[in-house]
Amino acid sequence: MEAFSVLVAATIAYVSFSGYRRAGSTTILLLGTAFLAQATLDTIHTLTYPGISNPFIQSGSNQAIYMWLSARISGSLLLLLSATLPEKEIGLKIRAKVLMVAIAAVTLLTTISTYAVKEFIDVLPPMFIPGKGLTMLKIGLEDFVAAALAGTALFYLRSYLKSANRTILMFTIGVAIFAFSEVGFMLYRDVYDIYNFLGHVFKLVAFLAFLSGLLLAK
C-alpha cells in the first residue's frame, strides 16, 4: 500500500510539473513539489519500516516515524502554501530554472532527513516506545499536520465555492480525507495495528482524489 501511494504521489508530481511547464502556475508548482517531497521521503520511510531490511539505512519504528513526519510536515506546509498564496504566472524564460530549484530543494530535504535519521537516531527524541505507544511529541506533530491540512481544506473549499471548479473540489475532498487520516496516526499503539493501517488507507484514498482532480483539469 505504501509503495502504491508513493507511485501515485510521483504521478501527481509529474502531471503537476507538466502543467506548470505549460502554464507557469505557482499553485501547480507548489502542489507538484509537495507530492514530490512526499514521494521521495515516503520511499525512505517504507525502507525503514520495522521488518524491512535494506543495505542503506537501519530499519526501526522511530526511523520510519521520523521519515514519515518529514514527509507529512513538508507536504502539508507546501499544500497550505498552494492554497493560500496568490496565483502567479512564472515567465516562460525562467520556468525551467524555477522547477530545477524546486526539485533540488526536495533532493536536499530528503538527503538531510535521511542522513539525520541514519546518524543521529540514538540522540533524537523517541516518537514511539514499544509496549507503551506513541510519545506526546509524535502526537503533537501529527496534530500540527492535521491542523495544516484542515486549514488547506478550508481554503480549497472557499476557492471551489467561488469558482465551482471540479479540480478544486477534488483537491478539497482529497486534503480533507488526508487530514482525517491523521487521526489514525495519533491512536496506534503498535506499528502494525488497525489504526495505523486505516490511516494509510485514507492517505492513499486522499492521494487518488488529488490525482483525479489533476486528470479532470487536463
C-alpha atoms as a PDB file:
ATOM      1  CA  MET A   1       0.000   0.000   0.000  1.00  0.00           C
ATOM      2  CA  GLU A   2       2.809   2.402   0.849  1.00  0.00           C
ATOM      3  CA  ALA A   3       4.603   1.598  -2.399  1.00  0.00           C
ATOM      4  CA  PHE A   4       1.412   2.279  -4.352  1.00  0.00           C
ATOM      5  CA  SER A   5       0.895   5.610  -2.570  1.00  0.00           C
ATOM      6  CA  VAL A   6       4.483   6.567  -3.500  1.00  0.00           C
ATOM      7  CA  LEU A   7       3.683   5.743  -7.122  1.00  0.00           C
ATOM      8  CA  VAL A   8       0.510   7.868  -7.003  1.00  0.00           C
ATOM      9  CA  ALA A   9       2.389  10.765  -5.379  1.00  0.00           C
ATOM     10  CA  ALA A  10       5.100  10.586  -8.038  1.00  0.00           C
ATOM     11  CA  THR A  11       2.424  10.586 -10.753  1.00  0.00           C
ATOM     12  CA  ILE A  12       0.799  13.656  -9.205  1.00  0.00           C
ATOM     13  CA  ALA A  13       4.183  15.406  -9.175  1.00  0.00           C
ATOM     14  CA  TYR A  14       4.805  14.505 -12.819  1.00  0.00           C
ATOM     15  CA  VAL A  15       1.372  15.674 -14.004  1.00  0.00           C
ATOM     16  CA  SER A  16       1.669  18.873 -11.931  1.00  0.00           C
ATOM     17  CA  PHE A  17       5.116  19.730 -13.283  1.00  0.00           C
ATOM     18  CA  SER A  18       3.903  19.075 -16.833  1.00  0.00           C
ATOM     19  CA  GLY A  19       1.058  21.535 -16.260  1.00  0.00           C
ATOM     20  CA  TYR A  20       3.437  24.027 -14.665  1.00  0.00           C
ATOM     21  CA  ARG A  21       5.743  23.963 -17.692  1.00  0.00           C
ATOM     22  CA  ARG A  22       2.793  24.844 -19.928  1.00  0.00           C
ATOM     23  CA  ALA A  23       1.100  27.491 -17.767  1.00  0.00           C
ATOM     24  CA  GLY A  24       3.757  28.632 -15.292  1.00  0.00           C
ATOM     25  CA  SER A  25       1.298  28.424 -12.376  1.00  0.00           C
ATOM     26  CA  THR A  26       2.895  28.832  -8.954  1.00  0.00           C
ATOM     27  CA  THR A  27      -0.029  26.953  -7.395  1.00  0.00           C
ATOM     28  CA  ILE A  28       0.557  23.880  -9.540  1.00  0.00           C
ATOM     29  CA  LEU A  29       4.310  24.142  -8.947  1.00  0.00           C
ATOM     30  CA  LEU A  30       3.773  24.073  -5.174  1.00  0.00           C
ATOM     31  CA  LEU A  31       1.347  21.175  -5.497  1.00  0.00           C
ATOM     32  CA  GLY A  32       3.831  19.166  -7.545  1.00  0.00           C
ATOM     33  CA  THR A  33       6.657  19.959  -5.140  1.00  0.00           C
ATOM     34  CA  ALA A  34       4.518  18.859  -2.183  1.00  0.00           C
ATOM     35  CA  PHE A  35       3.870  15.464  -3.719  1.00  0.00           C
ATOM     36  CA  LEU A  36       7.430  15.022  -4.979  1.00  0.00           C
ATOM     37  CA  ALA A  37       8.658  15.575  -1.407  1.00  0.00           C
ATOM     38  CA  GLN A  38       6.163  13.045  -0.108  1.00  0.00           C
ATOM     39  CA  ALA A  39       7.059  10.500  -2.795  1.00  0.00           C
ATOM     40  CA  THR A  40      10.800  10.661  -2.063  1.00  0.00           C
ATOM     41  CA  LEU A  41      10.531  10.814   1.730  1.00  0.00           C
ATOM     42  CA  ASP A  42       7.865   8.092   1.839  1.00  0.00           C
ATOM     43  CA  THR A  43      10.183   5.857  -0.178  1.00  0.00           C
ATOM     44  CA  ILE A  44      12.795   6.109   2.594  1.00  0.00           C
ATOM     45  CA  HIS A  45      10.024   5.733   5.177  1.00  0.00           C
ATOM     46  CA  THR A  46       8.999   2.449   3.559  1.00  0.00           C
ATOM     47  CA  LEU A  47      12.588   1.173   3.556  1.00  0.00           C
ATOM     48  CA  THR A  48      12.963   1.928   7.286  1.00  0.00           C
ATOM     49  CA  TYR A  49       9.676   0.320   8.341  1.00  0.00           C
ATOM     50  CA  PRO A  50      10.127  -2.371  11.034  1.00  0.00           C
ATOM     51  CA  GLY A  51      10.717  -5.749   9.430  1.00  0.00           C
ATOM     52  CA  ILE A  52      12.081  -4.303   6.171  1.00  0.00           C
ATOM     53  CA  SER A  53      15.779  -4.993   5.597  1.00  0.00           C
ATOM     54  CA  ASN A  54      17.873  -2.850   3.275  1.00  0.00           C
ATOM     55  CA  PRO A  55      21.600  -2.118   2.838  1.00  0.00           C
ATOM     56  CA  PHE A  56      21.270   1.668   3.124  1.00  0.00           C
ATOM     57  CA  ILE A  57      19.747   2.540   6.485  1.00  0.00           C
ATOM     58  CA  GLN A  58      18.766   0.687   9.639  1.00  0.00           C
ATOM     59  CA  SER A  59      15.052  -0.005   9.918  1.00  0.00           C
ATOM     60  CA  GLY A  60      13.017   0.577  13.058  1.00  0.00           C
ATOM     61  CA  SER A  61       9.879   2.234  14.394  1.00  0.00           C
ATOM     62  CA  ASN A  62      11.487   5.563  15.231  1.00  0.00           C
ATOM     63  CA  GLN A  63      13.444   5.718  11.979  1.00  0.00           C
ATOM     64  CA  ALA A  64      10.256   5.122   9.997  1.00  0.00           C
ATOM     65  CA  ILE A  65       8.317   7.682  12.024  1.00  0.00           C
ATOM     66  CA  TYR A  66      10.939  10.402  11.554  1.00  0.00           C
ATOM     67  CA  MET A  67      10.922   9.893   7.791  1.00  0.00           C
ATOM     68  CA  TRP A  68       7.126   9.832   7.879  1.00  0.00           C
ATOM     69  CA  LEU A  69       6.965  13.123   9.763  1.00  0.00           C
ATOM     70  CA  SER A  70       9.449  14.736   7.387  1.00  0.00           C
ATOM     71  CA  ALA A  71       7.136  13.815   4.513  1.00  0.00           C
ATOM     72  CA  ARG A  72       3.934  14.884   6.253  1.00  0.00           C
ATOM     73  CA  ILE A  73       5.207  18.209   7.632  1.00  0.00           C
ATOM     74  CA  SER A  74       6.854  19.329   4.386  1.00  0.00           C
ATOM     75  CA  GLY A  75       3.923  18.098   2.300  1.00  0.00           C
ATOM     76  CA  SER A  76       1.243  19.705   4.447  1.00  0.00           C
ATOM     77  CA  LEU A  77       3.035  23.079   4.564  1.00  0.00           C
ATOM     78  CA  LEU A  78       3.545  23.125   0.790  1.00  0.00           C
ATOM     79  CA  LEU A  79      -0.106  22.199   0.235  1.00  0.00           C
ATOM     80  CA  LEU A  80      -1.130  25.018   2.574  1.00  0.00           C
ATOM     81  CA  LEU A  81       1.020  27.442   0.575  1.00  0.00           C
ATOM     82  CA  SER A  82      -0.535  26.213  -2.678  1.00  0.00           C
ATOM     83  CA  ALA A  83      -3.979  27.021  -1.305  1.00  0.00           C
ATOM     84  CA  THR A  84      -3.180  30.384   0.299  1.00  0.00           C
ATOM     85  CA  LEU A  85      -0.599  32.153  -1.856  1.00  0.00           C
ATOM     86  CA  PRO A  86      -1.928  34.293  -4.716  1.00  0.00           C
ATOM     87  CA  GLU A  87      -1.877  32.631  -8.122  1.00  0.00           C
ATOM     88  CA  LYS A  88       1.016  33.958 -10.236  1.00  0.00           C
ATOM     89  CA  GLU A  89       2.404  33.078 -13.624  1.00  0.00           C
ATOM     90  CA  ILE A  90       6.146  32.469 -13.825  1.00  0.00           C
ATOM     91  CA  GLY A  91       7.703  33.747 -17.026  1.00  0.00           C
ATOM     92  CA  LEU A  92       8.483  31.249 -19.747  1.00  0.00           C
ATOM     93  CA  LYS A  93      12.210  32.053 -19.734  1.00  0.00           C
ATOM     94  CA  ILE A  94      12.741  31.096 -16.083  1.00  0.00           C
ATOM     95  CA  ARG A  95      10.160  28.309 -15.637  1.00  0.00           C
ATOM     96  CA  ALA A  96      12.696  25.530 -16.155  1.00  0.00           C
ATOM     97  CA  LYS A  97      15.153  27.109 -13.700  1.00  0.00           C
ATOM     98  CA  VAL A  98      12.473  27.553 -11.020  1.00  0.00           C
ATOM     99  CA  LEU A  99      11.421  23.928 -11.473  1.00  0.00           C
ATOM    100  CA  MET A 100      15.012  22.760 -11.079  1.00  0.00           C
ATOM    101  CA  VAL A 101      15.304  24.778  -7.863  1.00  0.00           C
ATOM    102  CA  ALA A 102      12.161  23.078  -6.522  1.00  0.00           C
ATOM    103  CA  ILE A 103      13.483  19.614  -7.405  1.00  0.00           C
ATOM    104  CA  ALA A 104      16.880  20.446  -5.891  1.00  0.00           C
ATOM    105  CA  ALA A 105      15.187  21.612  -2.678  1.00  0.00           C
ATOM    106  CA  VAL A 106      13.286  18.321  -2.391  1.00  0.00           C
ATOM    107  CA  THR A 107      16.507  16.383  -3.037  1.00  0.00           C
ATOM    108  CA  LEU A 108      18.305  18.365  -0.327  1.00  0.00           C
ATOM    109  CA  LEU A 109      15.453  17.855   2.150  1.00  0.00           C
ATOM    110  CA  THR A 110      15.429  14.103   1.507  1.00  0.00           C
ATOM    111  CA  THR A 111      19.216  13.872   1.852  1.00  0.00           C
ATOM    112  CA  ILE A 112      19.326  15.845   5.103  1.00  0.00           C
ATOM    113  CA  SER A 113      16.386  13.943   6.614  1.00  0.00           C
ATOM    114  CA  THR A 114      17.842  10.555   5.710  1.00  0.00           C
ATOM    115  CA  TYR A 115      21.312  11.477   6.988  1.00  0.00           C
ATOM    116  CA  ALA A 116      19.901  12.824  10.270  1.00  0.00           C
ATOM    117  CA  VAL A 117      17.857   9.670  10.877  1.00  0.00           C
ATOM    118  CA  LYS A 118      20.754   7.384   9.945  1.00  0.00           C
ATOM    119  CA  GLU A 119      23.409   9.137  12.024  1.00  0.00           C
ATOM    120  CA  PHE A 120      21.522  10.659  14.964  1.00  0.00           C
ATOM    121  CA  ILE A 121      18.570   8.354  15.672  1.00  0.00           C
ATOM    122  CA  ASP A 122      20.080   7.413  19.050  1.00  0.00           C
ATOM    123  CA  VAL A 123      20.070  11.021  20.267  1.00  0.00           C
ATOM    124  CA  LEU A 124      16.814  12.177  18.666  1.00  0.00           C
ATOM    125  CA  PRO A 125      13.786  12.159  20.993  1.00  0.00           C
ATOM    126  CA  PRO A 126      11.781   8.929  20.619  1.00  0.00           C
ATOM    127  CA  MET A 127       8.464   9.044  18.786  1.00  0.00           C
ATOM    128  CA  PHE A 128       7.400   5.505  19.675  1.00  0.00           C
ATOM    129  CA  ILE A 129       8.127   3.382  22.758  1.00  0.00           C
ATOM    130  CA  PRO A 130       7.481  -0.354  22.372  1.00  0.00           C
ATOM    131  CA  GLY A 131       4.864  -1.563  24.822  1.00  0.00           C
ATOM    132  CA  LYS A 132       3.668   1.970  25.533  1.00  0.00           C
ATOM    133  CA  GLY A 133       2.895   3.521  22.181  1.00  0.00           C
ATOM    134  CA  LEU A 134       3.348   6.991  20.738  1.00  0.00           C
ATOM    135  CA  THR A 135       5.026   9.806  22.628  1.00  0.00           C
ATOM    136  CA  MET A 136       3.345  13.164  23.161  1.00  0.00           C
ATOM    137  CA  LEU A 137       5.841  14.757  20.771  1.00  0.00           C
ATOM    138  CA  LYS A 138       4.746  12.430  17.968  1.00  0.00           C
ATOM    139  CA  ILE A 139       1.072  13.083  18.671  1.00  0.00           C
ATOM    140  CA  GLY A 140       1.685  16.836  18.840  1.00  0.00           C
ATOM    141  CA  LEU A 141       3.449  16.868  15.469  1.00  0.00           C
ATOM    142  CA  GLU A 142       0.633  14.843  13.897  1.00  0.00           C
ATOM    143  CA  ASP A 143      -1.804  17.387  15.379  1.00  0.00           C
ATOM    144  CA  PHE A 144       0.167  20.128  13.656  1.00  0.00           C
ATOM    145  CA  VAL A 145      -0.021  18.298  10.329  1.00  0.00           C
ATOM    146  CA  ALA A 146      -3.749  17.695  10.748  1.00  0.00           C
ATOM    147  CA  ALA A 147      -4.331  21.380  11.523  1.00  0.00           C
ATOM    148  CA  ALA A 148      -2.344  22.468   8.441  1.00  0.00           C
ATOM    149  CA  LEU A 149      -4.308  20.061   6.248  1.00  0.00           C
ATOM    150  CA  ALA A 150      -7.629  21.156   7.725  1.00  0.00           C
ATOM    151  CA  GLY A 151      -6.724  24.783   7.035  1.00  0.00           C
ATOM    152  CA  THR A 152      -5.797  23.860   3.474  1.00  0.00           C
ATOM    153  CA  ALA A 153      -9.159  22.125   3.030  1.00  0.00           C
ATOM    154  CA  LEU A 154     -10.973  25.289   4.121  1.00  0.00           C
ATOM    155  CA  PHE A 155      -9.034  27.450   1.670  1.00  0.00           C
ATOM    156  CA  TYR A 156      -9.668  24.980  -1.142  1.00  0.00           C
ATOM    157  CA  LEU A 157     -13.365  24.883  -0.236  1.00  0.00           C
ATOM    158  CA  ARG A 158     -13.584  28.661  -0.339  1.00  0.00           C
ATOM    159  CA  SER A 159     -11.936  28.646  -3.760  1.00  0.00           C
ATOM    160  CA  TYR A 160     -14.343  25.969  -5.003  1.00  0.00           C
ATOM    161  CA  LEU A 161     -17.411  27.882  -3.805  1.00  0.00           C
ATOM    162  CA  LYS A 162     -16.232  30.872  -5.819  1.00  0.00           C
ATOM    163  CA  SER A 163     -15.276  29.008  -8.979  1.00  0.00           C
ATOM    164  CA  ALA A 164     -17.284  25.739  -8.973  1.00  0.00           C
ATOM    165  CA  ASN A 165     -14.129  24.170 -10.445  1.00  0.00           C
ATOM    166  CA  ARG A 166     -14.266  20.347 -10.285  1.00  0.00           C
ATOM    167  CA  THR A 167     -10.500  20.079  -9.909  1.00  0.00           C
ATOM    168  CA  ILE A 168     -10.587  22.292  -6.811  1.00  0.00           C
ATOM    169  CA  LEU A 169     -13.479  20.189  -5.489  1.00  0.00           C
ATOM    170  CA  MET A 170     -11.381  17.016  -5.774  1.00  0.00           C
ATOM    171  CA  PHE A 171      -8.461  18.797  -4.091  1.00  0.00           C
ATOM    172  CA  THR A 172     -10.810  19.796  -1.264  1.00  0.00           C
ATOM    173  CA  ILE A 173     -12.039  16.230  -0.841  1.00  0.00           C
ATOM    174  CA  GLY A 174      -8.509  14.860  -1.039  1.00  0.00           C
ATOM    175  CA  VAL A 175      -6.993  17.148   1.557  1.00  0.00           C
ATOM    176  CA  ALA A 176      -9.995  16.655   3.890  1.00  0.00           C
ATOM    177  CA  ILE A 177      -9.523  12.874   3.741  1.00  0.00           C
ATOM    178  CA  PHE A 178      -5.799  13.412   4.234  1.00  0.00           C
ATOM    179  CA  ALA A 179      -6.484  15.423   7.395  1.00  0.00           C
ATOM    180  CA  PHE A 180      -8.839  12.706   8.643  1.00  0.00           C
ATOM    181  CA  SER A 181      -6.167  10.055   8.057  1.00  0.00           C
ATOM    182  CA  GLU A 182      -4.020  11.787  10.677  1.00  0.00           C
ATOM    183  CA  VAL A 183      -6.416  10.549  13.385  1.00  0.00           C
ATOM    184  CA  GLY A 184      -5.178   7.007  12.827  1.00  0.00           C
ATOM    185  CA  PHE A 185      -1.573   8.110  13.186  1.00  0.00           C
ATOM    186  CA  MET A 186      -2.321   9.574  16.607  1.00  0.00           C
ATOM    187  CA  LEU A 187      -4.049   6.481  18.000  1.00  0.00           C
ATOM    188  CA  TYR A 188      -1.983   3.411  17.193  1.00  0.00           C
ATOM    189  CA  ARG A 189      -0.100   1.551  19.918  1.00  0.00           C
ATOM    190  CA  ASP A 190       1.704  -0.812  17.553  1.00  0.00           C
ATOM    191  CA  VAL A 191       3.025  -0.052  14.062  1.00  0.00           C
ATOM    192  CA  TYR A 192       1.045  -2.984  12.669  1.00  0.00           C
ATOM    193  CA  ASP A 193      -2.297  -2.294  14.390  1.00  0.00           C
ATOM    194  CA  ILE A 194      -5.613  -1.362  12.751  1.00  0.00           C
ATOM    195  CA  TYR A 195      -5.362   2.403  13.377  1.00  0.00           C
ATOM    196  CA  ASN A 196      -2.054   2.696  11.551  1.00  0.00           C
ATOM    197  CA  PHE A 197      -3.390   0.517   8.744  1.00  0.00           C
ATOM    198  CA  LEU A 198      -6.556   2.604   8.322  1.00  0.00           C
ATOM    199  CA  GLY A 199      -4.503   5.798   8.384  1.00  0.00           C
ATOM    200  CA  HIS A 200      -2.513   4.511   5.419  1.00  0.00           C
ATOM    201  CA  VAL A 201      -5.713   3.517   3.613  1.00  0.00           C
ATOM    202  CA  PHE A 202      -7.179   7.024   3.975  1.00  0.00           C
ATOM    203  CA  LYS A 203      -3.867   8.571   2.910  1.00  0.00           C
ATOM    204  CA  LEU A 204      -3.910   6.522  -0.293  1.00  0.00           C
ATOM    205  CA  VAL A 205      -7.534   7.486  -0.996  1.00  0.00           C
ATOM    206  CA  ALA A 206      -6.603  11.148  -0.464  1.00  0.00           C
ATOM    207  CA  PHE A 207      -3.747  10.898  -2.969  1.00  0.00           C
ATOM    208  CA  LEU A 208      -6.046   9.268  -5.526  1.00  0.00           C
ATOM    209  CA  ALA A 209      -8.524  12.139  -5.091  1.00  0.00           C
ATOM    210  CA  PHE A 210      -5.756  14.645  -5.873  1.00  0.00           C
ATOM    211  CA  LEU A 211      -4.739  12.658  -8.938  1.00  0.00           C
ATOM    212  CA  SER A 212      -8.370  12.531 -10.121  1.00  0.00           C
ATOM    213  CA  GLY A 213      -8.588  16.311  -9.757  1.00  0.00           C
ATOM    214  CA  LEU A 214      -5.498  16.849 -11.873  1.00  0.00           C
ATOM    215  CA  LEU A 215      -6.775  14.496 -14.580  1.00  0.00           C
ATOM    216  CA  LEU A 216     -10.081  16.393 -14.665  1.00  0.00           C
ATOM    217  CA  ALA A 217      -8.095  19.548 -15.433  1.00  0.00           C
ATOM    218  CA  LYS A 218      -6.329  18.014 -18.442  1.00  0.00           C
END
